[in-house]
Protein backbone atom coordinates (compact mmCIF):
# COMPACT_ATOMS: atom_id res chain seq x y z
CA UNK A 1 105.95 69.78 103.86
CA UNK A 2 109.08 71.27 102.33
CA UNK A 3 110.81 74.30 103.80
CA UNK A 4 109.43 77.67 102.89
CA UNK A 5 110.31 81.27 103.61
CA UNK A 6 107.52 83.26 105.22
CA UNK A 7 108.29 86.72 106.52
CA UNK A 8 106.07 89.25 108.28
CA UNK A 9 105.92 92.91 107.28
CA UNK A 10 104.09 95.66 109.18
CA UNK A 11 102.02 97.92 106.91
CA UNK A 12 100.18 101.18 107.51
CA UNK A 13 97.13 100.41 105.36
CA UNK A 14 96.50 96.74 104.58
CA UNK A 15 94.16 97.37 101.64
CA UNK A 16 96.60 99.79 99.97
CA UNK A 17 99.48 97.36 100.49
CA UNK A 18 97.47 94.49 99.03
CA UNK A 19 96.62 96.63 95.99
CA UNK A 20 100.28 97.63 95.59
CA UNK A 21 101.56 94.04 95.61
CA UNK A 22 98.68 92.77 93.48
CA UNK A 23 99.80 95.30 90.85
CA UNK A 24 103.19 93.52 90.85
CA UNK A 25 101.44 90.21 90.17
CA UNK A 26 101.56 88.72 93.67
CA UNK A 27 98.48 86.86 94.84
CA UNK A 28 96.88 86.29 98.25
CA UNK A 29 95.65 83.21 100.05
CA UNK A 30 92.30 84.25 101.50
CA UNK A 31 92.22 81.24 103.82
CA UNK A 32 95.00 82.81 105.90
CA UNK A 33 93.93 86.44 105.51
CA UNK A 34 91.58 88.71 107.44
CA UNK A 35 91.17 92.41 108.26
CA UNK A 36 94.47 92.37 110.22
CA UNK A 37 96.71 90.42 107.87
CA UNK A 38 97.03 89.18 104.29
CA UNK A 39 99.00 86.09 103.30
CA UNK A 40 100.85 87.10 100.13
CA UNK A 41 102.24 84.51 97.74
CA UNK A 42 105.46 85.64 96.09
CA UNK A 43 106.62 82.25 94.76
CA UNK A 44 104.08 79.42 95.03
CA UNK A 45 104.99 76.87 97.73
CA UNK A 46 108.29 78.62 98.40
CA UNK A 47 108.24 82.30 99.40
CA UNK A 48 105.37 84.10 101.09
CA UNK A 49 104.89 87.19 103.22
CA UNK A 50 102.32 88.03 105.82
CA UNK A 51 101.38 91.68 105.47
CA UNK A 52 100.18 92.76 108.93
CA UNK A 53 98.59 95.92 110.20
CA UNK A 54 101.02 97.64 112.54
CA UNK A 55 98.81 96.98 115.59
CA UNK A 56 98.62 93.27 114.78
CA UNK A 57 102.36 93.12 114.09
CA UNK A 58 103.02 94.76 117.49
CA UNK A 59 101.16 91.91 119.22
CA UNK A 60 104.02 89.53 118.25
CA UNK A 61 106.87 91.50 119.83
CA UNK A 62 107.65 93.74 122.77
CA UNK A 63 110.02 95.79 120.60
CA UNK A 64 109.09 98.99 118.81
CA UNK A 65 108.08 98.55 115.19
CA UNK A 66 110.66 100.14 112.90
CA UNK A 67 109.27 102.81 110.62
CA UNK A 68 110.70 101.59 107.33
CA UNK A 69 110.60 105.05 105.73
CA UNK A 70 112.89 106.31 108.52
CA UNK A 71 115.10 103.32 109.38
CA UNK A 72 115.96 100.06 107.69
CA UNK A 73 116.36 96.66 109.25
CA UNK A 74 116.29 94.39 106.21
CA UNK A 75 116.45 94.46 102.42
CA UNK A 76 114.34 91.74 100.85
CA UNK A 77 116.17 90.31 97.85
CA UNK A 78 114.38 88.23 95.22
CA UNK A 79 116.07 86.48 92.34
CA UNK A 80 114.53 86.86 88.91
CA UNK A 81 114.78 84.77 85.77
CA UNK A 82 116.05 87.60 83.53
CA UNK A 83 116.93 91.29 83.43
CA UNK A 84 113.66 91.79 81.55
CA UNK A 85 111.70 90.35 84.48
CA UNK A 86 113.44 92.84 86.78
CA UNK A 87 112.63 95.74 84.44
CA UNK A 88 109.00 94.62 84.25
CA UNK A 89 108.61 94.35 88.03
CA UNK A 90 110.31 97.72 88.57
CA UNK A 91 107.95 99.34 86.05
CA UNK A 92 104.93 97.79 87.79
CA UNK A 93 106.22 98.85 91.22
CA UNK A 94 106.80 102.43 90.04
CA UNK A 95 103.33 102.60 88.48
CA UNK A 96 101.84 101.34 91.76
CA UNK A 97 103.57 104.07 93.79
CA UNK A 98 107.01 102.67 94.68
CA UNK A 99 110.07 104.86 94.98
CA UNK A 100 112.94 103.71 92.77
CA UNK A 101 116.11 104.69 94.66
CA UNK A 102 118.68 104.01 91.93
CA UNK A 103 118.96 103.04 88.27
CA UNK A 104 119.56 99.40 87.33
CA UNK A 105 123.08 98.09 87.72
CA UNK A 106 124.38 95.85 84.95
CA UNK A 107 127.62 94.06 85.80
CA UNK A 108 127.43 91.66 82.86
CA UNK A 109 127.21 88.55 85.04
CA UNK A 110 124.63 90.19 87.33
CA UNK A 111 121.79 92.68 86.88
CA UNK A 112 119.92 94.28 89.74
CA UNK A 113 117.62 97.09 90.74
CA UNK A 114 115.44 97.79 93.71
CA UNK A 115 112.36 99.61 94.89
CA UNK A 116 110.92 100.96 98.11
CA UNK A 117 107.33 99.82 98.61
CA UNK A 118 104.61 102.18 99.84
CA UNK A 119 105.47 101.41 103.49
CA UNK A 120 109.20 102.02 102.98
CA UNK A 121 110.37 98.39 102.89
CA UNK A 122 113.31 97.88 100.52
CA UNK A 123 113.16 95.17 97.87
CA UNK A 124 116.09 94.25 95.62
CA UNK A 125 115.61 92.25 92.43
CA UNK A 126 118.61 90.41 91.06
CA UNK A 127 119.45 88.22 88.05
CA UNK A 128 122.72 86.31 87.92
CA UNK A 129 124.05 84.62 84.80
CA UNK A 130 123.93 80.81 85.01
């Protein structure tokens, strides 16, 4: 098995979060999903996320769960193959209910933009010239 990135995100409403990310084109592995968590595939065999109900997420830590709409602990950054892919994902995220905190930034050698998902988690999409 090769190394993979799998991160866990607490969500308020699992079904709404699944619908949000499905609208962006992400898929789910039902074998590792149930009413408390959904295994989301971002990049096949490479990057996945486990969307967890807040109560289930709390069972893995004795720390308080950060409310992402009020405080931020991490910004999830995903590389994209082109500026057009970023624009497409941002449009899908906005249509699915994301907040778009700033316009795209084009530095010539790098293009990026981000969104805040429906639970307040920050995602940044970036393309860098080869």
